[in-house]
Amino acid sequence: MRNWSLLFAAAAVASVLAFVYAPFSQEWWLPNASDNYWHVASSYGNQIDHLFILILIITGVVFIGTQVVFVYAAHKFPDAPGRVAKYIHGSQRLEVIWTIIPAAILVFIALYQMGTWADIKFRSAMPKVQPLAEITGRQFQWMMRYPGPDGRLHTDDDLFLVNDLHFVKGKPTLIYLRSADVLHSFYLPELRLKQDAVPGLTIPVWFDSDRAGKLELVCAELCGWGHYKMRGNVTIHDTQAEFDEWMTGKMREQSVDQLVSAQGSKGN
């Protein structure tokens, strides 16, 4: 029935309109830490968005082309009494063309994104700074281990927190990412950062932000029944002094907690 082709055409037009509208709506577009949602707070965030938009345009053009052909065929050749379907082998030349074109697009994207991938993932691009923390994902929380006053991890003065990430605006931040059990995914949506935490591996991850404020850390990998609870708070401090003041307060709280725990043990 030709009416079905009209329904398919309407659905395709609605999809294209949503596709065009989305980049101009902050509610529909990618999350951002700033008022200007075309500007991403992290130094490589705009590169990620550029690749996303490029792929969105390519898939959008392909979608429009396939829908035009589909709707035309459904309208031109509807089911009708007495019409018998005919088997045809097809065109080998056409099959070669529609195999080569997608392959060429994939090769282009693979080569085009290499610079961005290198900035985010290659160890040669890793900032030459002391690690801010070691973060371990486990079911179902993020365990943060910050170096204490000696500036080194895995010493007696380390600071331990849960679901509480702090770093300083405008400074490259390096963390070591681990998993204590299953596969997790460390995801800062506003900074366009996502990295799997793999059991048995310690993975260096670096990021930054040119805006201070509050964000959210989530797990982007289905890691078990409590996956929905695996959320962390992110605080980007405006200055190093502000971060140091926060760190000093947390170290004092930890010392008090340890003292109370020790006194309780002696009392028992």
Protein backbone atom coordinates (compact mmCIF):
# COMPACT_ATOMS: atom_id res chain seq x y z
CA MET A 1 0.00 0.00 0.00
CA ARG A 2 1.27 3.42 -0.95
CA ASN A 3 0.03 4.85 2.36
CA TRP A 4 2.85 3.05 4.14
CA SER A 5 5.38 4.95 2.05
CA LEU A 6 3.85 8.22 3.27
CA LEU A 7 4.17 7.07 6.89
CA PHE A 8 7.82 6.13 6.34
CA ALA A 9 8.45 9.49 4.66
CA ALA A 10 6.89 11.38 7.60
CA ALA A 11 9.04 9.44 10.08
CA ALA A 12 12.16 10.18 8.06
CA VAL A 13 11.35 13.90 7.85
CA ALA A 14 10.74 14.04 11.64
CA SER A 15 14.09 12.35 12.25
CA VAL A 16 15.93 14.80 9.99
CA LEU A 17 14.26 17.79 11.70
CA ALA A 18 15.37 16.44 15.09
CA PHE A 19 18.86 15.91 13.67
CA VAL A 20 19.01 19.55 12.53
CA TYR A 21 17.47 20.99 15.71
CA ALA A 22 19.58 19.10 18.28
CA PRO A 23 22.84 21.14 17.98
CA PHE A 24 20.92 24.35 18.73
CA SER A 25 19.27 23.07 21.92
CA GLN A 26 21.24 22.78 25.14
CA GLU A 27 18.78 20.17 26.41
CA TRP A 28 19.26 17.97 23.35
CA TRP A 29 22.99 18.45 22.82
CA LEU A 30 26.05 17.14 24.62
CA PRO A 31 26.43 18.19 28.29
CA ASN A 32 28.66 21.15 29.01
CA ALA A 33 30.16 22.87 32.03
CA SER A 34 29.81 26.40 30.60
CA ASP A 35 26.99 28.68 29.48
CA ASN A 36 28.27 28.55 25.90
CA TYR A 37 27.54 24.96 24.90
CA TRP A 38 29.63 25.26 21.75
CA HIS A 39 32.70 25.63 23.99
CA VAL A 40 33.89 22.60 25.97
CA ALA A 41 35.79 23.25 29.19
CA SER A 42 38.59 20.73 28.53
CA SER A 43 41.47 21.46 26.16
CA TYR A 44 40.68 18.54 23.84
CA GLY A 45 36.89 18.62 24.27
CA ASN A 46 36.28 20.69 21.13
CA GLN A 47 38.26 18.16 19.10
CA ILE A 48 35.98 15.39 20.38
CA ASP A 49 32.89 17.42 19.49
CA HIS A 50 34.31 18.16 16.05
CA LEU A 51 34.70 14.44 15.36
CA PHE A 52 31.22 13.76 16.74
CA ILE A 53 29.66 16.38 14.46
CA LEU A 54 31.62 15.10 11.45
CA ILE A 55 30.40 11.54 12.00
CA LEU A 56 26.87 12.83 12.66
CA ILE A 57 26.87 14.67 9.31
CA ILE A 58 28.19 11.62 7.42
CA THR A 59 25.61 9.28 8.95
CA GLY A 60 22.91 11.92 8.46
CA VAL A 61 23.64 12.21 4.74
CA VAL A 62 23.65 8.41 4.40
CA PHE A 63 20.36 8.20 6.33
CA ILE A 64 18.69 10.77 4.06
CA GLY A 65 19.92 8.99 0.92
CA THR A 66 18.75 5.55 2.03
CA GLN A 67 15.36 6.88 3.17
CA VAL A 68 14.78 8.62 -0.17
CA VAL A 69 15.46 5.36 -2.02
CA PHE A 70 13.37 3.36 0.45
CA VAL A 71 10.34 5.67 0.32
CA TYR A 72 10.56 5.92 -3.50
CA ALA A 73 10.64 2.12 -3.86
CA ALA A 74 7.76 1.65 -1.41
CA HIS A 75 5.68 4.24 -3.29
CA LYS A 76 6.61 3.12 -6.78
CA PHE A 77 6.21 -0.61 -6.30
CA PRO A 78 3.34 -1.26 -3.85
CA ASP A 79 1.73 -4.63 -3.38
CA ALA A 80 -1.08 -5.15 -5.89
CA PRO A 81 -3.34 -8.03 -6.97
CA GLY A 82 -1.71 -10.10 -9.68
CA ARG A 83 1.76 -8.60 -9.21
CA VAL A 84 4.40 -11.33 -8.85
CA ALA A 85 7.83 -10.70 -7.39
CA LYS A 86 10.76 -11.46 -9.67
CA TYR A 87 14.10 -12.76 -8.51
CA ILE A 88 17.12 -10.92 -9.93
CA HIS A 89 20.77 -11.55 -9.21
CA GLY A 90 21.58 -7.87 -8.79
CA SER A 91 24.46 -5.76 -10.04
CA GLN A 92 27.99 -6.76 -9.14
CA ARG A 93 29.24 -3.28 -10.03
CA LEU A 94 26.72 -1.70 -7.64
CA GLU A 95 27.70 -4.09 -4.86
CA VAL A 96 31.37 -3.20 -5.31
CA ILE A 97 30.55 0.52 -5.20
CA TRP A 98 28.49 0.36 -2.02
CA THR A 99 31.24 -1.74 -0.41
CA ILE A 100 34.09 0.59 -1.40
CA ILE A 101 32.35 3.83 -0.34
CA PRO A 102 31.70 2.83 3.31
CA ALA A 103 35.19 1.33 3.53
CA ALA A 104 36.70 4.59 2.24
CA ILE A 105 34.67 6.61 4.77
CA LEU A 106 35.85 4.39 7.64
CA VAL A 107 39.49 4.70 6.54
CA PHE A 108 39.10 8.49 6.28
CA ILE A 109 37.65 8.72 9.81
CA ALA A 110 40.36 6.43 11.20
CA LEU A 111 43.11 8.63 9.75
CA TYR A 112 41.37 11.94 10.49
CA GLN A 113 40.95 11.21 14.21
CA MET A 114 44.52 10.05 14.86
CA GLY A 115 45.71 13.48 16.06
CA THR A 116 42.90 13.76 18.60
CA TRP A 117 43.41 10.18 19.75
CA ALA A 118 47.12 10.85 20.24
CA ASP A 119 46.43 13.95 22.36
CA ILE A 120 44.12 12.00 24.65
CA LYS A 121 45.56 8.48 24.79
CA PHE A 122 49.20 8.35 23.67
CA ARG A 123 51.62 8.26 26.61
CA SER A 124 53.92 10.63 24.72
CA ALA A 125 51.24 13.31 25.27
CA MET A 126 50.94 12.60 28.98
CA PRO A 127 51.59 15.79 31.00
CA LYS A 128 54.83 15.83 32.99
CA VAL A 129 53.16 16.39 36.36
CA GLN A 130 52.84 14.48 39.59
CA PRO A 131 49.72 12.30 39.72
CA LEU A 132 46.81 13.93 41.49
CA ALA A 133 45.37 10.65 42.71
CA GLU A 134 44.93 6.95 42.16
CA ILE A 135 41.28 6.15 41.46
CA THR A 136 39.98 2.61 41.77
CA GLY A 137 36.57 1.58 40.52
CA ARG A 138 34.81 -1.14 42.44
CA GLN A 139 31.24 -2.31 42.82
CA PHE A 140 29.77 0.26 43.30
CA GLN A 141 31.89 3.30 44.09
CA TRP A 142 35.01 5.22 43.12
CA MET A 143 37.85 4.96 45.64
CA MET A 144 40.16 8.01 45.59
CA ARG A 145 43.69 7.86 46.99
CA TYR A 146 45.45 11.24 47.09
CA PRO A 147 49.12 11.68 47.97
CA GLY A 148 49.62 13.34 51.34
CA PRO A 149 52.11 16.08 52.31
CA ASP A 150 55.06 14.07 50.96
CA GLY A 151 53.56 14.26 47.44
CA ARG A 152 53.92 10.51 46.83
CA LEU A 153 51.30 7.81 46.46
CA HIS A 154 51.25 4.62 48.52
CA THR A 155 52.84 6.09 51.63
CA ASP A 156 51.50 6.35 55.17
CA ASP A 157 50.17 9.89 54.79
CA ASP A 158 47.88 9.20 51.79
CA LEU A 159 44.35 10.63 51.87
CA PHE A 160 41.47 8.22 51.21
CA LEU A 161 38.07 9.41 49.96
CA VAL A 162 35.04 7.87 48.25
CA ASN A 163 33.31 9.38 45.19
CA ASP A 164 34.99 12.76 45.70
CA LEU A 165 37.30 14.06 42.95
CA HIS A 166 38.97 17.47 43.29
CA PHE A 167 41.41 19.23 40.98
CA VAL A 168 42.44 22.75 40.00
CA LYS A 169 41.17 24.82 37.08
CA GLY A 170 43.61 25.48 34.26
CA LYS A 171 46.17 22.84 35.33
CA PRO A 172 46.79 19.51 33.58
CA THR A 173 45.59 16.73 35.86
CA LEU A 174 46.99 13.19 35.85
CA ILE A 175 45.40 10.24 37.62
CA TYR A 176 46.11 6.52 37.69
CA LEU A 177 42.96 4.49 37.00
CA ARG A 178 42.43 0.94 38.29
CA SER A 179 39.64 -1.57 38.86
CA ALA A 180 39.26 -3.77 41.92
CA ASP A 181 36.80 -6.22 40.40
CA VAL A 182 35.06 -5.89 37.01
CA LEU A 183 35.25 -3.57 34.03
CA HIS A 184 34.24 0.02 34.87
CA SER A 185 34.36 3.19 32.78
CA PHE A 186 35.59 6.52 34.20
CA TYR A 187 33.41 9.15 32.52
CA LEU A 188 33.40 12.95 32.86
CA PRO A 189 30.71 13.93 30.31
CA GLU A 190 31.27 17.69 30.43
CA LEU A 191 35.00 17.24 29.78
CA ARG A 192 34.47 14.61 27.05
CA LEU A 193 36.64 12.10 28.91
CA LYS A 194 35.90 8.39 29.02
CA GLN A 195 38.35 5.63 29.92
CA ASP A 196 37.72 2.01 30.84
CA ALA A 197 39.10 0.82 34.17
CA VAL A 198 40.41 -2.67 33.41
CA PRO A 199 41.11 -5.27 36.12
CA GLY A 200 44.85 -5.92 36.41
CA LEU A 201 45.90 -2.68 34.67
CA THR A 202 46.92 0.74 35.98
CA ILE A 203 46.05 3.25 33.27
CA PRO A 204 47.27 6.88 33.25
CA VAL A 205 44.46 9.33 32.43
CA TRP A 206 44.88 13.08 31.96
CA PHE A 207 42.42 15.94 31.62
CA ASP A 208 41.91 19.61 32.49
CA SER A 209 39.23 22.28 32.69
CA ASP A 210 39.24 26.02 32.07
CA ARG A 211 36.18 26.45 34.31
CA ALA A 212 35.80 26.04 38.07
CA GLY A 213 32.64 24.50 39.45
CA LYS A 214 30.84 21.24 40.21
CA LEU A 215 30.53 18.29 37.83
CA GLU A 216 29.59 14.63 38.08
CA LEU A 217 31.69 11.51 37.67
CA VAL A 218 29.79 8.45 36.43
CA CYS A 219 30.51 4.89 35.41
CA ALA A 220 29.67 4.36 31.73
CA GLU A 221 30.04 0.58 31.81
CA LEU A 222 27.27 -1.73 33.06
CA CYS A 223 29.15 -3.21 36.01
CA GLY A 224 26.45 -5.04 37.98
CA TRP A 225 23.15 -4.59 39.77
CA GLY A 226 24.28 -1.40 41.55
CA HIS A 227 25.73 0.30 38.48
CA TYR A 228 23.20 3.12 38.78
CA LYS A 229 24.67 4.08 42.18
CA MET A 230 28.22 4.53 40.89
CA ARG A 231 28.26 8.33 40.82
CA GLY A 232 30.91 10.67 42.16
CA ASN A 233 31.16 14.37 42.90
CA VAL A 234 33.70 16.45 41.00
CA THR A 235 34.89 19.82 42.31
CA ILE A 236 37.11 22.03 40.14
CA HIS A 237 38.87 24.55 42.36
CA ASP A 238 39.56 28.04 41.13
CA THR A 239 43.10 28.22 42.57
CA GLN A 240 45.81 25.93 43.92
CA ALA A 241 45.50 27.65 47.29
CA GLU A 242 41.81 26.75 47.43
CA PHE A 243 42.64 23.12 46.61
CA ASP A 244 45.40 23.03 49.25
CA GLU A 245 43.01 24.38 51.87
CA TRP A 246 40.49 21.66 51.01
CA MET A 247 43.24 19.02 51.16
CA THR A 248 44.46 20.25 54.56
CA GLY A 249 40.93 20.07 55.96
CA LYS A 250 40.40 16.54 54.67
CA MET A 251 43.77 15.39 56.04
CA ARG A 252 42.78 16.80 59.45
CA GLU A 253 39.43 14.99 59.33
CA GLN A 254 41.14 11.72 58.42
CA SER A 255 43.60 12.09 61.30
CA VAL A 256 40.75 12.68 63.74
CA ASP A 257 38.86 9.65 62.41
CA GLN A 258 41.95 7.47 62.77
CA LEU A 259 42.51 8.72 66.33
CA VAL A 260 38.89 8.00 67.31
CA SER A 261 39.13 4.54 65.74
CA ALA A 262 42.37 3.80 67.60
CA GLN A 263 40.91 4.95 70.93
CA GLY A 264 37.84 2.80 70.35
CA SER A 265 40.02 -0.22 69.71
CA LYS A 266 41.94 0.35 72.95
CA GLY A 267 38.69 0.66 74.87
CA ASN A 268 37.54 -2.71 73.63
